Structures are given as C-alpha cells and as structure tokens.
Amino acid sequence: MRGKLSRILPFAIALICLGSLLLAAGCGSSKARYRFIQTATGLPANSVDLQVDGKSVQTAIGFAQTATYHSSSSGSRKFDVFPNGNTTNAIVSQSVNLGSGDTTLLLQNTAPNSNFVLSTYADDNTVPTTGNAKLRIIHSSFSANAVDVYIVTQGTGIGGLSPNIGNVTFQKATDYQVLGAGSYAVIMTVAGTQNILNNLNFALTLTAGQIRTLVIVDSSFGGGPFSLVQLNDLN
C-alpha cells in the first residue's frame, strides 16, 4: 500500500501544480475594451488605419470620427496607426497597457501639425445612480488653450455663474459629472473668462443611465473653428 502511495503521490502533486499554473494563466488575462479617435491635425493622409498587435482592426478612420469599443485581452498591446492604405511608415507605433476595463485612445499632435502621440484615458462605465447620467470632457485641441466648462439647462445663460469645471488644459480629461436626466447646454469659455469659444456651445440631452464623453478638437487643418465629438460610452 505504501509503495502504491509513494508512486501516486508525486503524480498527484504534479497534477495539482499544473492545475495551479493553468488557473494562474487564466486569471492573468482578463477582458478589455478600447476605442480609437483620430484628433490629430496635419497628417499625411485624410484618414488613417489602425493595427493592434500587427492585425488590422479598423481602416479609413476620418478626423474626429466618433468611435465604438473593440474587444481585446488586457495587458500590453502594440498599436500602430498608418496613413490610409499603407502598412509602412507608421504615424505612431506605441505599446499601450490595457486594463481590465474600458480605454479611450486619442491620436493627438503636441506641436503644430506634428509630434504625433497616442494618449490613453481610462473610462468609467459604471452605471450611474438611479435617475442620473454622467458626462466627461476630454481636451484634445492643441490650439484651444485652457477652457472653463459650464453645464447649464438649455436656454439658460452663464452670466453670473461659476464654471462647473475650471481650467481644463490640453490632453486632460475631467472627472465625470453626475447630472440628472434632462436637456443641457455644455458651454466652453476661455479659462478665467466668460468668452465662449467659437462653436463650443453644445446641446446635449441625457436620459437616465447614459454616460457620454465630449472631446474638444481643432478643425482638421489645425486651429479654429473648434468642435466637440460626442462619444456614447454607455446606453
């Protein structure tokens, strides 16, 4: 009996170890989602193609084109952005660590029409509390400088009001604002003033349970007129 046990025990231990390794490997990679928006100006093509880990994910992505999520495994992923129709001379080639949640990636330029980078923003798509919605702003306009953000009921001016969010600078994302369901005007001014930036007065209707992101962008040629891209994060 002891002889049999002595022969079986190492085999059992090996199986237990193998099971632990497989479990650890399975737990080490979780699901992630990402979406990509092209907000850079001065690119060598009117649209771009996106590859992730050497595989084509999306082609002919236009400037300020809204985006939906793609599924991926979490961990380090290689993102390459090419001029449309090309697979060489990437505009950006960058490794991005995707967490287990959702991520927004913006192609940006950090100098006039040059110095292209891929910036990442963690999304919080936790369902809002009952009767509420959530709104976030991402500043992706190289030319707009810092802005103040006012969120008011549609038809209401901003005179005498303080901004809901102050001094939002390029490449920054605001905290999520919890808002009741309703119709709003999202107004952006030159930081420290109530001078509304051209075209940055956005009508937004929110229903309970929705999450939205508004991205500030330049014109496709750089500079104004500025505009906002609405991303539908949830519902």
Protein backbone atom coordinates (compact mmCIF):
# COMPACT_ATOMS: atom_id res chain seq x y z
CA MET A 1 0.00 0.00 0.00
CA ARG A 2 2.78 2.36 0.94
CA GLY A 3 4.52 1.55 -2.32
CA LYS A 4 1.46 2.47 -4.30
CA LEU A 5 1.07 5.73 -2.39
CA SER A 6 4.69 6.62 -2.95
CA ARG A 7 4.19 6.15 -6.68
CA ILE A 8 0.86 8.04 -6.87
CA LEU A 9 1.78 10.96 -4.61
CA PRO A 10 4.34 12.63 -6.92
CA PHE A 11 1.91 12.28 -9.82
CA ALA A 12 -0.89 13.89 -7.78
CA ILE A 13 1.39 16.73 -6.71
CA ALA A 14 2.37 17.31 -10.33
CA LEU A 15 -1.30 17.49 -11.37
CA ILE A 16 -2.04 19.96 -8.59
CA CYS A 17 0.89 22.15 -9.64
CA LEU A 18 -0.17 22.01 -13.30
CA GLY A 19 -3.73 22.96 -12.36
CA SER A 20 -2.44 25.91 -10.33
CA LEU A 21 -0.32 27.11 -13.25
CA LEU A 22 -3.26 26.88 -15.66
CA LEU A 23 -5.50 28.72 -13.23
CA ALA A 24 -2.92 31.47 -12.78
CA ALA A 25 -2.54 31.82 -16.53
CA GLY A 26 -6.30 32.02 -16.97
CA CYS A 27 -6.60 34.63 -14.23
CA GLY A 28 -3.68 36.66 -15.60
CA SER A 29 -5.52 37.80 -18.73
CA SER A 30 -8.92 39.45 -18.50
CA LYS A 31 -11.19 41.15 -20.98
CA ALA A 32 -10.59 44.74 -22.02
CA ARG A 33 -12.23 47.16 -24.45
CA TYR A 34 -10.77 50.13 -26.29
CA ARG A 35 -11.88 52.72 -28.82
CA PHE A 36 -9.76 54.93 -31.07
CA ILE A 37 -10.42 58.51 -32.22
CA GLN A 38 -8.26 60.44 -34.67
CA THR A 39 -7.97 64.06 -33.41
CA ALA A 40 -4.52 64.99 -34.77
CA THR A 41 -4.09 67.64 -37.46
CA GLY A 42 -1.59 67.83 -40.31
CA LEU A 43 -1.46 64.11 -41.04
CA PRO A 44 -0.03 62.87 -44.36
CA ALA A 45 -3.46 61.39 -45.29
CA ASN A 46 -7.11 62.33 -44.89
CA SER A 47 -7.78 59.13 -42.93
CA VAL A 48 -5.83 56.50 -41.03
CA ASP A 49 -5.78 52.74 -40.50
CA LEU A 50 -5.38 51.08 -37.11
CA GLN A 51 -3.49 47.88 -36.38
CA VAL A 52 -3.26 46.17 -32.99
CA ASP A 53 -0.54 43.57 -32.48
CA GLY A 54 0.06 43.56 -36.22
CA LYS A 55 -3.57 42.86 -37.15
CA SER A 56 -5.86 45.28 -38.97
CA VAL A 57 -8.67 46.47 -36.69
CA GLN A 58 -10.15 49.47 -38.48
CA THR A 59 -9.47 51.29 -41.76
CA ALA A 60 -10.20 54.71 -43.27
CA ILE A 61 -10.78 56.41 -39.91
CA GLY A 62 -11.58 60.04 -40.56
CA PHE A 63 -10.72 63.10 -38.49
CA ALA A 64 -12.96 63.46 -35.41
CA GLN A 65 -14.93 60.37 -36.38
CA THR A 66 -16.86 59.00 -33.42
CA ALA A 67 -15.94 55.51 -32.25
CA THR A 68 -17.30 52.34 -30.66
CA TYR A 69 -15.45 49.86 -28.47
CA HIS A 70 -13.34 46.95 -29.71
CA SER A 71 -12.77 43.89 -27.51
CA SER A 72 -9.29 42.70 -26.54
CA SER A 73 -7.46 40.84 -23.83
CA SER A 74 -5.87 43.00 -21.16
CA GLY A 75 -2.13 43.62 -20.98
CA SER A 76 0.40 45.27 -23.24
CA ARG A 77 -0.86 45.70 -26.82
CA LYS A 78 1.04 47.21 -29.75
CA PHE A 79 -0.91 49.97 -31.54
CA ASP A 80 0.18 51.16 -34.99
CA VAL A 81 -1.52 53.99 -36.85
CA PHE A 82 -0.81 54.24 -40.59
CA PRO A 83 -1.88 56.60 -43.34
CA ASN A 84 -4.90 55.02 -45.02
CA GLY A 85 -3.90 52.22 -47.38
CA ASN A 86 -0.35 51.88 -46.03
CA THR A 87 1.34 49.36 -43.74
CA THR A 88 4.75 51.05 -43.51
CA ASN A 89 5.96 54.35 -42.06
CA ALA A 90 3.56 54.40 -39.13
CA ILE A 91 2.39 57.79 -37.90
CA VAL A 92 2.51 56.35 -34.38
CA SER A 93 3.78 52.99 -33.14
CA GLN A 94 3.17 52.65 -29.42
CA SER A 95 2.67 49.98 -26.78
CA VAL A 96 -0.37 50.54 -24.58
CA ASN A 97 -1.18 48.66 -21.40
CA LEU A 98 -4.90 47.91 -21.49
CA GLY A 99 -6.50 47.39 -18.11
CA SER A 100 -9.44 45.10 -17.48
CA GLY A 101 -11.94 47.92 -18.09
CA ASP A 102 -12.53 50.32 -20.97
CA THR A 103 -10.00 52.71 -22.52
CA THR A 104 -10.28 55.62 -24.95
CA LEU A 105 -7.25 56.28 -27.18
CA LEU A 106 -6.81 59.61 -28.95
CA LEU A 107 -4.31 60.32 -31.70
CA GLN A 108 -3.03 63.83 -30.96
CA ASN A 109 -0.34 66.26 -32.07
CA THR A 110 1.71 68.09 -29.44
CA ALA A 111 3.14 70.68 -31.87
CA PRO A 112 1.51 72.43 -34.83
CA ASN A 113 0.59 69.59 -37.21
CA SER A 114 3.44 67.39 -35.94
CA ASN A 115 4.77 65.36 -32.99
CA PHE A 116 2.03 62.73 -33.03
CA VAL A 117 1.21 60.73 -29.89
CA LEU A 118 -1.38 58.22 -28.75
CA SER A 119 -2.91 59.34 -25.44
CA THR A 120 -4.93 56.97 -23.27
CA TYR A 121 -7.86 57.71 -20.98
CA ALA A 122 -9.45 55.24 -18.56
CA ASP A 123 -13.24 55.12 -18.93
CA ASP A 124 -15.63 54.61 -16.03
CA ASN A 125 -18.71 52.94 -17.46
CA THR A 126 -20.20 52.05 -14.09
CA VAL A 127 -23.95 52.51 -14.40
CA PRO A 128 -25.00 55.91 -12.96
CA THR A 129 -27.16 56.08 -9.88
CA THR A 130 -30.93 55.92 -10.38
CA GLY A 131 -32.32 58.81 -12.43
CA ASN A 132 -28.87 60.17 -13.29
CA ALA A 133 -26.38 60.29 -16.17
CA LYS A 134 -22.65 61.02 -16.32
CA LEU A 135 -20.65 63.38 -18.52
CA ARG A 136 -16.90 63.81 -19.02
CA ILE A 137 -14.85 66.24 -21.15
CA ILE A 138 -11.52 65.40 -22.83
CA HIS A 139 -9.46 68.33 -24.15
CA SER A 140 -7.81 67.22 -27.39
CA SER A 141 -7.46 70.58 -29.15
CA PHE A 142 -3.83 71.65 -29.41
CA SER A 143 -4.89 75.22 -30.31
CA ALA A 144 -7.76 75.92 -27.91
CA ASN A 145 -5.68 76.54 -24.77
CA ALA A 146 -7.29 76.05 -21.36
CA VAL A 147 -11.07 76.19 -21.07
CA ASP A 148 -13.72 76.52 -18.40
CA VAL A 149 -16.77 74.29 -18.75
CA TYR A 150 -20.31 75.36 -17.91
CA ILE A 151 -23.15 72.83 -17.87
CA VAL A 152 -26.50 74.60 -17.70
CA THR A 153 -30.10 73.85 -18.54
CA GLN A 154 -30.78 74.58 -22.21
CA GLY A 155 -31.95 78.15 -22.68
CA THR A 156 -30.04 79.34 -19.61
CA GLY A 157 -27.11 81.73 -19.94
CA ILE A 158 -23.87 81.59 -17.97
CA GLY A 159 -23.81 85.19 -16.77
CA GLY A 160 -23.04 85.37 -13.06
CA LEU A 161 -22.34 81.63 -12.82
CA SER A 162 -19.14 79.86 -11.87
CA PRO A 163 -17.91 77.09 -14.18
CA ASN A 164 -18.76 73.52 -13.29
CA ILE A 165 -15.19 72.59 -14.25
CA GLY A 166 -12.37 75.12 -14.37
CA ASN A 167 -9.11 75.33 -16.30
CA VAL A 168 -9.23 72.17 -18.41
CA THR A 169 -5.94 72.03 -20.33
CA PHE A 170 -4.82 70.17 -23.45
CA GLN A 171 -4.67 66.37 -23.06
CA LYS A 172 -6.57 66.44 -19.75
CA ALA A 173 -9.80 64.62 -19.00
CA THR A 174 -12.25 65.94 -16.44
CA ASP A 175 -13.84 63.92 -13.69
CA TYR A 176 -17.24 62.50 -14.56
CA GLN A 177 -20.05 64.92 -13.75
CA VAL A 178 -23.21 63.32 -12.36
CA LEU A 179 -26.26 65.01 -13.87
CA GLY A 180 -29.97 64.43 -13.65
CA ALA A 181 -31.69 63.34 -16.83
CA GLY A 182 -32.53 66.41 -18.92
CA SER A 183 -31.50 68.78 -21.70
CA TYR A 184 -28.31 70.77 -21.20
CA ALA A 185 -26.07 73.29 -22.89
CA VAL A 186 -22.39 72.44 -22.46
CA ILE A 187 -20.54 75.72 -22.93
CA MET A 188 -16.78 76.22 -23.01
CA THR A 189 -15.08 79.54 -22.47
CA VAL A 190 -11.53 80.84 -22.43
CA ALA A 191 -10.32 79.87 -18.93
CA GLY A 192 -10.88 82.61 -16.39
CA THR A 193 -13.38 84.46 -18.61
CA GLN A 194 -16.91 84.03 -19.91
CA ASN A 195 -15.81 84.47 -23.53
CA ILE A 196 -17.36 81.49 -25.30
CA LEU A 197 -15.02 79.77 -27.76
CA ASN A 198 -16.41 79.58 -31.27
CA ASN A 199 -18.70 76.57 -31.77
CA LEU A 200 -18.14 75.25 -28.23
CA ASN A 201 -21.77 75.61 -27.17
CA PHE A 202 -23.17 72.09 -27.38
CA ALA A 203 -26.77 70.99 -26.91
CA LEU A 204 -26.86 67.65 -25.06
CA THR A 205 -29.88 65.64 -23.97
CA LEU A 206 -29.23 62.95 -21.37
CA THR A 207 -31.54 60.19 -20.26
CA ALA A 208 -31.17 58.23 -17.05
CA GLY A 209 -28.43 55.60 -17.23
CA GLN A 210 -26.44 57.22 -20.03
CA ILE A 211 -22.73 58.07 -19.97
CA ARG A 212 -21.26 60.47 -22.53
CA THR A 213 -17.82 61.87 -23.32
CA LEU A 214 -17.32 65.12 -25.24
CA VAL A 215 -13.93 65.59 -26.93
CA ILE A 216 -12.73 69.09 -27.82
CA VAL A 217 -10.95 69.11 -31.20
CA ASP A 218 -9.39 71.58 -33.61
CA SER A 219 -10.53 71.93 -37.18
CA SER A 220 -8.99 69.25 -39.40
CA PHE A 221 -6.41 71.80 -40.63
CA GLY A 222 -5.46 72.97 -37.14
CA GLY A 223 -6.76 75.89 -35.11
CA GLY A 224 -10.37 77.02 -35.08
CA PRO A 225 -13.21 76.74 -35.55
CA PHE A 226 -13.22 74.23 -32.73
CA SER A 227 -15.81 71.50 -32.31
CA LEU A 228 -16.93 68.71 -30.00
CA VAL A 229 -17.10 65.00 -30.74
CA GLN A 230 -19.73 63.09 -28.76
CA LEU A 231 -18.84 59.56 -27.68
CA ASN A 232 -21.63 57.29 -26.47
CA ASP A 233 -19.97 55.43 -23.62
CA LEU A 234 -22.99 53.64 -22.20
CA ASN A 235 -26.63 53.36 -23.34
